[in-house]
């Protein structure tokens, strides 16, 4: 799950960076925000839950 979370974070970052190539300011903004939301979901949703599953205080 940690590798999946990392891949989703990198994918979101990649989408946000590629928004530079999108024509139109509002379309660029929409693609960049979508990339940031995907990266945020990867880090908070997937990586955090995978970390909490094996947390040191749950021993």
Protein backbone atom coordinates (compact mmCIF):
# COMPACT_ATOMS: atom_id res chain seq x y z
CA UNK A 1 0.00 0.00 0.00
CA UNK A 2 2.89 2.35 0.68
CA UNK A 3 4.20 1.97 -2.86
CA UNK A 4 0.71 2.56 -4.24
CA UNK A 5 0.38 5.73 -2.15
CA UNK A 6 3.74 6.94 -3.37
CA UNK A 7 2.79 6.26 -6.99
CA UNK A 8 -0.50 8.14 -6.59
CA UNK A 9 1.38 11.10 -5.07
CA UNK A 10 3.86 11.18 -7.94
CA UNK A 11 1.04 10.83 -10.48
CA UNK A 12 -0.79 13.78 -8.95
CA UNK A 13 2.37 15.87 -8.97
CA UNK A 14 3.00 14.89 -12.61
CA UNK A 15 -0.54 15.94 -13.59
CA UNK A 16 -0.08 19.28 -11.84
CA UNK A 17 3.21 19.90 -13.64
CA UNK A 18 1.73 18.94 -17.00
CA UNK A 19 -1.00 21.54 -16.56
CA UNK A 20 1.48 24.02 -18.04
CA UNK A 21 0.88 22.46 -21.46
CA UNK A 22 -2.93 22.83 -21.30
CA UNK A 23 -4.28 25.75 -23.34
CA UNK A 24 -6.50 28.20 -21.51
CA UNK A 25 -6.02 29.68 -18.08
CA UNK A 26 -9.10 28.15 -16.46
CA UNK A 27 -8.38 24.73 -17.92
CA UNK A 28 -4.82 25.00 -16.61
CA UNK A 29 -6.09 25.91 -13.18
CA UNK A 30 -8.56 23.03 -13.19
CA UNK A 31 -5.93 20.46 -14.21
CA UNK A 32 -3.44 21.80 -11.65
CA UNK A 33 -5.99 21.65 -8.84
CA UNK A 34 -6.98 18.13 -9.91
CA UNK A 35 -3.33 17.10 -9.75
CA UNK A 36 -2.93 18.58 -6.28
CA UNK A 37 -6.09 16.85 -5.07
CA UNK A 38 -4.85 13.51 -6.41
CA UNK A 39 -1.48 14.00 -4.69
CA UNK A 40 -3.21 14.99 -1.46
CA UNK A 41 -5.41 11.90 -1.60
CA UNK A 42 -2.33 9.76 -2.14
CA UNK A 43 -0.48 11.22 0.80
CA UNK A 44 -3.28 11.65 3.33
CA UNK A 45 -5.63 8.89 2.22
CA UNK A 46 -3.40 6.03 1.16
CA UNK A 47 0.02 6.64 2.74
CA UNK A 48 -1.34 7.75 6.10
CA UNK A 49 -3.68 4.78 6.41
CA UNK A 50 -0.87 2.40 5.45
CA UNK A 51 1.35 3.98 8.08
CA UNK A 52 -1.31 3.83 10.77
CA UNK A 53 -1.86 0.14 10.07
CA UNK A 54 1.74 -0.66 11.15
CA UNK A 55 2.23 2.16 13.67
CA UNK A 56 4.70 1.58 16.48
CA UNK A 57 2.20 2.44 19.21
CA UNK A 58 -0.21 -0.30 18.06
CA UNK A 59 2.15 -3.08 19.15
